[in-house]
Amino acid sequence: MRILVDADACPAVVKEILYKTSKRLEVELVLIANQFMRTPSSEYINSVIVAEGPDEADDRIVDMVQPDDLIVTADIPLADRVIKKGAVVLDPRGVLLTTENIGERLATRNLKAELRTLGMDVGGPASYGVREKQEFANQLDRFLTRVLRKQKGA
């Protein structure tokens, strides 16, 4: 199991949580982005730089993903693609996306996009704060504890 991060739009505080978690639990962390990112020195932390372009990072993540990987992204279409390949998605706000709930999230995203094209103001996401950071950290911890415990028992 690895953690793959859609790193271009990932909040810095989320990356910091992931760096610490990766080192502490010795879990491979791969950040995929369109630009160079400074990361802590660790045998568990790597970065992949892709070409500029709207879906370059997404396509690389989809190519790299394996069943049971954890993907960190707020990109709902990307989440749908990797879930179909057997991965689980954790968005930076701490929402775990799986086969059970991705359909609803994708439909909501598509509806909002359609309303925006019609000129309607559907608002954007709330600001990212302490509560979202804590929810992300808690959900990450619960997920990794469950997965690592299952791997040790296997």
N, C-alpha and C. Protein backbone atom coordinates (compact mmCIF):
# COMPACT_ATOMS: atom_id res chain seq x y z
N MET A 1 0.83 -1.18 0.00
CA MET A 1 0.00 0.00 0.00
C MET A 1 0.87 1.24 0.00
N ARG A 2 0.53 2.18 -0.89
CA ARG A 2 1.22 3.45 -0.97
C ARG A 2 0.21 4.58 -0.83
N ILE A 3 0.72 5.76 -0.56
CA ILE A 3 -0.10 6.96 -0.58
C ILE A 3 0.38 7.78 -1.76
N LEU A 4 -0.53 8.05 -2.70
CA LEU A 4 -0.24 8.89 -3.85
C LEU A 4 -0.98 10.20 -3.68
N VAL A 5 -0.30 11.31 -3.91
CA VAL A 5 -0.89 12.63 -3.66
C VAL A 5 -0.96 13.43 -4.95
N ASP A 6 -2.15 13.93 -5.25
CA ASP A 6 -2.36 14.90 -6.31
C ASP A 6 -1.87 16.22 -5.73
N ALA A 7 -0.57 16.48 -5.88
CA ALA A 7 0.12 17.46 -5.03
C ALA A 7 -0.01 18.92 -5.45
N ASP A 8 -0.34 19.21 -6.68
CA ASP A 8 -0.38 20.61 -7.11
C ASP A 8 -1.35 21.45 -6.28
N ALA A 9 -2.52 20.93 -6.01
CA ALA A 9 -3.52 21.71 -5.28
C ALA A 9 -3.68 21.27 -3.82
N CYS A 10 -2.84 20.38 -3.37
CA CYS A 10 -2.95 19.86 -2.01
C CYS A 10 -2.45 20.91 -1.01
N PRO A 11 -3.24 21.22 0.02
CA PRO A 11 -2.79 22.21 1.00
C PRO A 11 -1.48 21.80 1.68
N ALA A 12 -0.64 22.79 1.95
CA ALA A 12 0.67 22.54 2.57
C ALA A 12 0.52 21.82 3.91
N VAL A 13 -0.51 22.15 4.69
CA VAL A 13 -0.67 21.50 6.00
C VAL A 13 -0.97 20.02 5.83
N VAL A 14 -1.67 19.64 4.77
CA VAL A 14 -1.95 18.23 4.50
C VAL A 14 -0.66 17.52 4.13
N LYS A 15 0.16 18.14 3.30
CA LYS A 15 1.44 17.54 2.94
C LYS A 15 2.31 17.32 4.18
N GLU A 16 2.32 18.29 5.09
CA GLU A 16 3.10 18.15 6.32
C GLU A 16 2.62 16.95 7.15
N ILE A 17 1.32 16.77 7.25
CA ILE A 17 0.77 15.62 7.96
C ILE A 17 1.22 14.33 7.28
N LEU A 18 1.16 14.31 5.95
CA LEU A 18 1.55 13.13 5.19
C LEU A 18 3.03 12.82 5.35
N TYR A 19 3.89 13.84 5.35
CA TYR A 19 5.33 13.62 5.53
C TYR A 19 5.59 12.94 6.87
N LYS A 20 5.00 13.48 7.91
CA LYS A 20 5.22 12.93 9.26
C LYS A 20 4.68 11.51 9.37
N THR A 21 3.50 11.30 8.81
CA THR A 21 2.87 9.97 8.87
C THR A 21 3.69 8.95 8.09
N SER A 22 4.16 9.32 6.92
CA SER A 22 4.95 8.42 6.09
C SER A 22 6.21 7.96 6.83
N LYS A 23 6.90 8.90 7.42
CA LYS A 23 8.13 8.56 8.16
C LYS A 23 7.82 7.70 9.38
N ARG A 24 6.80 8.10 10.13
CA ARG A 24 6.47 7.40 11.38
C ARG A 24 6.04 5.96 11.12
N LEU A 25 5.21 5.75 10.10
CA LEU A 25 4.67 4.42 9.83
C LEU A 25 5.45 3.66 8.76
N GLU A 26 6.45 4.33 8.17
CA GLU A 26 7.25 3.72 7.11
C GLU A 26 6.39 3.27 5.94
N VAL A 27 5.55 4.21 5.48
CA VAL A 27 4.65 3.97 4.35
C VAL A 27 5.13 4.84 3.19
N GLU A 28 5.20 4.25 2.01
CA GLU A 28 5.66 5.00 0.84
C GLU A 28 4.67 6.11 0.51
N LEU A 29 5.20 7.31 0.29
CA LEU A 29 4.44 8.49 -0.07
C LEU A 29 5.00 9.03 -1.37
N VAL A 30 4.12 9.20 -2.38
CA VAL A 30 4.55 9.72 -3.68
C VAL A 30 3.69 10.94 -4.01
N LEU A 31 4.36 12.07 -4.21
CA LEU A 31 3.67 13.31 -4.58
C LEU A 31 3.82 13.50 -6.08
N ILE A 32 2.70 13.68 -6.78
CA ILE A 32 2.71 13.85 -8.22
C ILE A 32 2.27 15.28 -8.52
N ALA A 33 3.10 16.03 -9.28
CA ALA A 33 2.82 17.43 -9.54
C ALA A 33 3.40 17.87 -10.87
N ASN A 34 2.97 19.05 -11.32
CA ASN A 34 3.47 19.64 -12.56
C ASN A 34 4.73 20.46 -12.34
N GLN A 35 5.17 20.56 -11.10
CA GLN A 35 6.34 21.38 -10.80
C GLN A 35 7.15 20.75 -9.67
N PHE A 36 8.38 21.18 -9.55
CA PHE A 36 9.25 20.68 -8.49
C PHE A 36 8.66 21.02 -7.13
N MET A 37 8.75 20.07 -6.19
CA MET A 37 8.30 20.30 -4.82
C MET A 37 9.40 19.88 -3.88
N ARG A 38 9.70 20.75 -2.95
CA ARG A 38 10.69 20.41 -1.93
C ARG A 38 10.02 19.47 -0.93
N THR A 39 10.65 18.33 -0.70
CA THR A 39 10.13 17.35 0.25
C THR A 39 11.21 17.00 1.26
N PRO A 40 10.81 16.54 2.43
CA PRO A 40 11.80 16.13 3.42
C PRO A 40 12.61 14.95 2.91
N SER A 41 13.83 14.85 3.36
CA SER A 41 14.67 13.72 2.99
C SER A 41 14.19 12.48 3.74
N SER A 42 13.79 11.48 2.98
CA SER A 42 13.30 10.23 3.57
C SER A 42 13.28 9.16 2.50
N GLU A 43 13.62 7.96 2.87
CA GLU A 43 13.55 6.86 1.91
C GLU A 43 12.10 6.52 1.56
N TYR A 44 11.14 7.04 2.31
CA TYR A 44 9.73 6.73 2.09
C TYR A 44 9.01 7.80 1.28
N ILE A 45 9.65 8.94 1.05
CA ILE A 45 8.98 10.07 0.38
C ILE A 45 9.64 10.33 -0.97
N ASN A 46 8.83 10.31 -2.03
CA ASN A 46 9.30 10.57 -3.39
C ASN A 46 8.37 11.55 -4.08
N SER A 47 8.88 12.18 -5.12
CA SER A 47 8.01 13.04 -5.93
C SER A 47 8.21 12.70 -7.40
N VAL A 48 7.15 12.91 -8.15
CA VAL A 48 7.16 12.68 -9.59
C VAL A 48 6.69 13.98 -10.24
N ILE A 49 7.50 14.48 -11.17
CA ILE A 49 7.13 15.70 -11.88
C ILE A 49 6.64 15.29 -13.27
N VAL A 50 5.47 15.80 -13.62
CA VAL A 50 4.87 15.50 -14.92
C VAL A 50 4.87 16.77 -15.77
N ALA A 51 4.62 16.61 -17.05
CA ALA A 51 4.56 17.75 -17.97
C ALA A 51 3.40 18.67 -17.60
N GLU A 52 3.51 19.93 -18.01
CA GLU A 52 2.41 20.87 -17.82
C GLU A 52 1.21 20.39 -18.63
N GLY A 53 0.04 20.60 -18.11
CA GLY A 53 -1.17 20.21 -18.82
C GLY A 53 -2.26 19.89 -17.83
N PRO A 54 -3.50 20.06 -18.24
CA PRO A 54 -4.62 19.93 -17.30
C PRO A 54 -4.79 18.56 -16.66
N ASP A 55 -4.49 17.49 -17.37
CA ASP A 55 -4.72 16.16 -16.80
C ASP A 55 -3.45 15.33 -16.69
N GLU A 56 -2.29 15.93 -16.86
CA GLU A 56 -1.04 15.17 -16.83
C GLU A 56 -0.83 14.47 -15.48
N ALA A 57 -1.00 15.21 -14.38
CA ALA A 57 -0.82 14.60 -13.06
C ALA A 57 -1.87 13.53 -12.81
N ASP A 58 -3.12 13.83 -13.18
CA ASP A 58 -4.20 12.86 -12.99
C ASP A 58 -3.91 11.57 -13.76
N ASP A 59 -3.50 11.72 -15.01
CA ASP A 59 -3.23 10.53 -15.82
C ASP A 59 -2.08 9.71 -15.24
N ARG A 60 -1.06 10.38 -14.73
CA ARG A 60 0.07 9.65 -14.13
C ARG A 60 -0.38 8.91 -12.88
N ILE A 61 -1.21 9.55 -12.08
CA ILE A 61 -1.72 8.88 -10.87
C ILE A 61 -2.51 7.64 -11.25
N VAL A 62 -3.38 7.77 -12.25
CA VAL A 62 -4.18 6.62 -12.70
C VAL A 62 -3.27 5.50 -13.21
N ASP A 63 -2.20 5.86 -13.93
CA ASP A 63 -1.25 4.86 -14.42
C ASP A 63 -0.52 4.16 -13.27
N MET A 64 -0.21 4.91 -12.22
CA MET A 64 0.58 4.37 -11.11
C MET A 64 -0.24 3.59 -10.10
N VAL A 65 -1.51 3.92 -9.96
CA VAL A 65 -2.31 3.38 -8.86
C VAL A 65 -2.44 1.87 -8.93
N GLN A 66 -2.44 1.28 -7.74
CA GLN A 66 -2.65 -0.15 -7.59
C GLN A 66 -3.78 -0.35 -6.58
N PRO A 67 -4.45 -1.49 -6.64
CA PRO A 67 -5.50 -1.75 -5.65
C PRO A 67 -4.95 -1.55 -4.23
N ASP A 68 -5.75 -0.99 -3.39
CA ASP A 68 -5.45 -0.74 -1.98
C ASP A 68 -4.55 0.47 -1.74
N ASP A 69 -4.12 1.18 -2.79
CA ASP A 69 -3.40 2.43 -2.57
C ASP A 69 -4.38 3.47 -2.03
N LEU A 70 -3.85 4.44 -1.32
CA LEU A 70 -4.63 5.57 -0.84
C LEU A 70 -4.23 6.77 -1.68
N ILE A 71 -5.22 7.43 -2.28
CA ILE A 71 -4.97 8.61 -3.11
C ILE A 71 -5.51 9.82 -2.35
N VAL A 72 -4.69 10.85 -2.25
CA VAL A 72 -5.12 12.09 -1.61
C VAL A 72 -5.37 13.11 -2.71
N THR A 73 -6.64 13.48 -2.89
CA THR A 73 -7.03 14.45 -3.92
C THR A 73 -8.40 15.03 -3.61
N ALA A 74 -8.62 16.24 -4.09
CA ALA A 74 -9.94 16.86 -4.02
C ALA A 74 -10.63 16.79 -5.39
N ASP A 75 -9.97 16.21 -6.35
CA ASP A 75 -10.45 16.11 -7.73
C ASP A 75 -11.41 14.92 -7.85
N ILE A 76 -12.70 15.20 -7.95
CA ILE A 76 -13.71 14.14 -7.96
C ILE A 76 -13.61 13.24 -9.19
N PRO A 77 -13.45 13.77 -10.42
CA PRO A 77 -13.27 12.85 -11.56
C PRO A 77 -12.05 11.95 -11.41
N LEU A 78 -10.94 12.48 -10.89
CA LEU A 78 -9.77 11.64 -10.62
C LEU A 78 -10.11 10.58 -9.58
N ALA A 79 -10.79 10.98 -8.54
CA ALA A 79 -11.19 10.03 -7.50
C ALA A 79 -12.00 8.88 -8.11
N ASP A 80 -12.93 9.21 -8.97
CA ASP A 80 -13.74 8.18 -9.62
C ASP A 80 -12.87 7.21 -10.42
N ARG A 81 -11.90 7.75 -11.14
CA ARG A 81 -11.03 6.90 -11.97
C ARG A 81 -10.20 5.94 -11.12
N VAL A 82 -9.62 6.42 -10.01
CA VAL A 82 -8.77 5.54 -9.22
C VAL A 82 -9.57 4.56 -8.37
N ILE A 83 -10.76 4.96 -7.95
CA ILE A 83 -11.62 4.04 -7.20
C ILE A 83 -11.99 2.86 -8.09
N LYS A 84 -12.21 3.11 -9.36
CA LYS A 84 -12.53 2.03 -10.30
C LYS A 84 -11.37 1.05 -10.45
N LYS A 85 -10.16 1.48 -10.08
CA LYS A 85 -8.99 0.61 -10.14
C LYS A 85 -8.69 -0.03 -8.78
N GLY A 86 -9.58 0.15 -7.81
CA GLY A 86 -9.43 -0.53 -6.53
C GLY A 86 -8.78 0.29 -5.43
N ALA A 87 -8.54 1.57 -5.67
CA ALA A 87 -7.94 2.43 -4.65
C ALA A 87 -9.02 3.07 -3.79
N VAL A 88 -8.57 3.70 -2.72
CA VAL A 88 -9.45 4.48 -1.84
C VAL A 88 -8.94 5.91 -1.89
N VAL A 89 -9.85 6.87 -1.80
CA VAL A 89 -9.48 8.28 -1.88
C VAL A 89 -9.81 8.97 -0.57
N LEU A 90 -8.89 9.82 -0.14
CA LEU A 90 -9.12 10.68 1.01
C LEU A 90 -8.94 12.11 0.52
N ASP A 91 -10.00 12.91 0.64
CA ASP A 91 -9.84 14.29 0.20
C ASP A 91 -9.19 15.10 1.33
N PRO A 92 -8.61 16.25 1.01
CA PRO A 92 -7.89 17.02 2.03
C PRO A 92 -8.75 17.50 3.20
N ARG A 93 -10.05 17.40 3.08
CA ARG A 93 -10.95 17.79 4.17
C ARG A 93 -11.32 16.60 5.06
N GLY A 94 -10.76 15.43 4.74
CA GLY A 94 -10.99 14.28 5.60
C GLY A 94 -12.15 13.39 5.20
N VAL A 95 -12.67 13.56 3.99
CA VAL A 95 -13.77 12.72 3.52
C VAL A 95 -13.18 11.53 2.76
N LEU A 96 -13.51 10.34 3.20
CA LEU A 96 -13.07 9.11 2.55
C LEU A 96 -14.04 8.79 1.42
N LEU A 97 -13.52 8.64 0.22
CA LEU A 97 -14.34 8.34 -0.95
C LEU A 97 -14.09 6.91 -1.38
N THR A 98 -15.18 6.18 -1.56
CA THR A 98 -15.10 4.76 -1.91
C THR A 98 -16.14 4.45 -2.99
N THR A 99 -16.22 3.20 -3.37
CA THR A 99 -17.23 2.81 -4.36
C THR A 99 -18.64 3.11 -3.87
N GLU A 100 -18.83 3.15 -2.55
CA GLU A 100 -20.16 3.38 -2.00
C GLU A 100 -20.63 4.83 -2.14
N ASN A 101 -19.72 5.80 -2.16
CA ASN A 101 -20.18 7.19 -2.16
C ASN A 101 -19.66 8.04 -3.32
N ILE A 102 -18.80 7.51 -4.18
CA ILE A 102 -18.23 8.33 -5.25
C ILE A 102 -19.29 8.73 -6.28
N GLY A 103 -20.25 7.87 -6.54
CA GLY A 103 -21.29 8.19 -7.53
C GLY A 103 -22.05 9.45 -7.15
N GLU A 104 -22.43 9.55 -5.89
CA GLU A 104 -23.16 10.73 -5.41
C GLU A 104 -22.29 11.98 -5.51
N ARG A 105 -21.03 11.87 -5.12
CA ARG A 105 -20.12 13.03 -5.18
C ARG A 105 -19.90 13.48 -6.62
N LEU A 106 -19.76 12.52 -7.53
CA LEU A 106 -19.56 12.85 -8.94
C LEU A 106 -20.81 13.53 -9.52
N ALA A 107 -21.99 13.01 -9.18
CA ALA A 107 -23.24 13.61 -9.67
C ALA A 107 -23.40 15.04 -9.15
N THR A 108 -23.08 15.26 -7.89
CA THR A 108 -23.17 16.60 -7.31
C THR A 108 -22.20 17.55 -8.00
N ARG A 109 -20.98 17.09 -8.22
CA ARG A 109 -19.98 17.90 -8.90
C ARG A 109 -20.44 18.27 -10.30
N ASN A 110 -20.98 17.29 -11.04
CA ASN A 110 -21.44 17.55 -12.40
C ASN A 110 -22.63 18.50 -12.43
N LEU A 111 -23.54 18.37 -11.48
CA LEU A 111 -24.69 19.28 -11.39
C LEU A 111 -24.22 20.70 -11.15
N LYS A 112 -23.30 20.88 -10.21
CA LYS A 112 -22.79 22.22 -9.91
C LYS A 112 -22.07 22.81 -11.12
N ALA A 113 -21.32 22.00 -11.85
CA ALA A 113 -20.64 22.48 -13.05
C ALA A 113 -21.65 22.94 -14.09
N GLU A 114 -22.71 22.17 -14.25
CA GLU A 114 -23.77 22.53 -15.22
C GLU A 114 -24.46 23.83 -14.81
N LEU A 115 -24.75 23.98 -13.52
CA LEU A 115 -25.38 25.21 -13.04
C LEU A 115 -24.48 26.42 -13.24
N ARG A 116 -23.16 26.23 -13.05
CA ARG A 116 -22.22 27.33 -13.28
C ARG A 116 -22.21 27.74 -14.75
N THR A 117 -22.31 26.76 -15.66
CA THR A 117 -22.32 27.11 -17.09
C THR A 117 -23.58 27.88 -17.46
N LEU A 118 -24.64 27.71 -16.67
CA LEU A 118 -25.87 28.46 -16.90
C LEU A 118 -25.85 29.82 -16.21
N GLY A 119 -24.73 30.13 -15.57
CA GLY A 119 -24.58 31.43 -14.94
C GLY A 119 -25.04 31.51 -13.50
N MET A 120 -25.36 30.39 -12.91
CA MET A 120 -25.83 30.39 -11.52
C MET A 120 -24.63 30.34 -10.57
N ASP A 121 -24.76 31.07 -9.47
CA ASP A 121 -23.72 31.06 -8.45
C ASP A 121 -24.03 29.93 -7.47
N VAL A 122 -23.21 28.88 -7.50
CA VAL A 122 -23.43 27.75 -6.60
C VAL A 122 -22.43 27.76 -5.45
N GLY A 123 -21.60 28.82 -5.40
CA GLY A 123 -20.62 28.93 -4.32
C GLY A 123 -19.47 27.98 -4.53
N GLY A 124 -18.50 28.12 -3.68
CA GLY A 124 -17.33 27.25 -3.74
C GLY A 124 -17.14 26.58 -2.40
N PRO A 125 -16.05 25.88 -2.26
CA PRO A 125 -15.82 25.20 -0.98
C PRO A 125 -15.54 26.22 0.13
N ALA A 126 -15.88 25.84 1.34
CA ALA A 126 -15.59 26.69 2.49
C ALA A 126 -14.08 26.79 2.66
N SER A 127 -13.63 27.80 3.38
CA SER A 127 -12.20 27.96 3.59
C SER A 127 -11.65 26.76 4.38
N TYR A 128 -10.38 26.50 4.18
CA TYR A 128 -9.72 25.38 4.82
C TYR A 128 -9.16 25.85 6.15
N GLY A 129 -9.56 25.18 7.21
CA GLY A 129 -9.13 25.62 8.53
C GLY A 129 -8.72 24.49 9.44
N VAL A 130 -8.67 24.79 10.71
CA VAL A 130 -8.23 23.84 11.73
C VAL A 130 -9.11 22.61 11.76
N ARG A 131 -10.41 22.78 11.64
CA ARG A 131 -11.33 21.64 11.69
C ARG A 131 -11.08 20.68 10.55
N GLU A 132 -10.87 21.21 9.34
CA GLU A 132 -10.62 20.36 8.17
C GLU A 132 -9.28 19.64 8.31
N LYS A 133 -8.28 20.34 8.79
CA LYS A 133 -6.98 19.73 9.01
C LYS A 133 -7.08 18.58 10.00
N GLN A 134 -7.81 18.80 11.10
CA GLN A 134 -7.96 17.76 12.12
C GLN A 134 -8.75 16.58 11.59
N GLU A 135 -9.78 16.84 10.82
CA GLU A 135 -10.58 15.75 10.25
C GLU A 135 -9.74 14.93 9.27
N PHE A 136 -8.91 15.60 8.48
CA PHE A 136 -8.02 14.87 7.57
C PHE A 136 -7.08 13.97 8.37
N ALA A 137 -6.43 14.54 9.38
CA ALA A 137 -5.47 13.78 10.19
C ALA A 137 -6.15 12.58 10.86
N ASN A 138 -7.35 12.80 11.39
CA ASN A 138 -8.08 11.71 12.07
C ASN A 138 -8.46 10.60 11.09
N GLN A 139 -9.00 10.98 9.94
CA GLN A 139 -9.43 9.98 8.95
C GLN A 139 -8.22 9.22 8.39
N LEU A 140 -7.11 9.92 8.16
CA LEU A 140 -5.88 9.28 7.70
C LEU A 140 -5.41 8.25 8.72
N ASP A 141 -5.40 8.64 9.97
CA ASP A 141 -4.95 7.74 11.04
C ASP A 141 -5.85 6.51 11.14
N ARG A 142 -7.17 6.72 11.10
CA ARG A 142 -8.10 5.58 11.18
C ARG A 142 -7.91 4.63 10.00
N PHE A 143 -7.78 5.20 8.80
CA PHE A 143 -7.62 4.38 7.61
C PHE A 143 -6.32 3.57 7.66
N LEU A 144 -5.21 4.25 7.96
CA LEU A 144 -3.92 3.56 7.98
C LEU A 144 -3.83 2.54 9.10
N THR A 145 -4.40 2.85 10.24
CA THR A 145 -4.41 1.88 11.34
C THR A 145 -5.14 0.61 10.92
N ARG A 146 -6.29 0.77 10.29
CA ARG A 146 -7.08 -0.38 9.83
C ARG A 146 -6.32 -1.18 8.78
N VAL A 147 -5.74 -0.50 7.79
CA VAL A 147 -5.05 -1.19 6.70
C VAL A 147 -3.79 -1.87 7.19
N LEU A 148 -3.00 -1.19 7.99
CA LEU A 148 -1.73 -1.77 8.47
C LEU A 148 -1.98 -2.93 9.43
N ARG A 149 -3.02 -2.83 10.23
CA ARG A 149 -3.37 -3.93 11.13
C ARG A 149 -3.78 -5.15 10.30
N LYS A 150 -4.54 -4.92 9.24
CA LYS A 150 -4.98 -6.01 8.36
C LYS A 150 -3.78 -6.64 7.65
N GLN A 151 -2.80 -5.82 7.22
CA GLN A 151 -1.62 -6.35 6.54
C GLN A 151 -0.76 -7.19 7.49
N LYS A 152 -0.64 -6.77 8.74
CA LYS A 152 0.16 -7.53 9.70
C LYS A 152 -0.50 -8.86 10.03
N GLY A 153 -1.84 -8.89 10.00
CA GLY A 153 -2.56 -10.11 10.30
C GLY A 153 -2.58 -11.08 9.14
N ALA A 154 -2.24 -10.59 7.93
CA ALA A 154 -2.30 -11.43 6.73
C ALA A 154 -1.13 -12.35 6.61
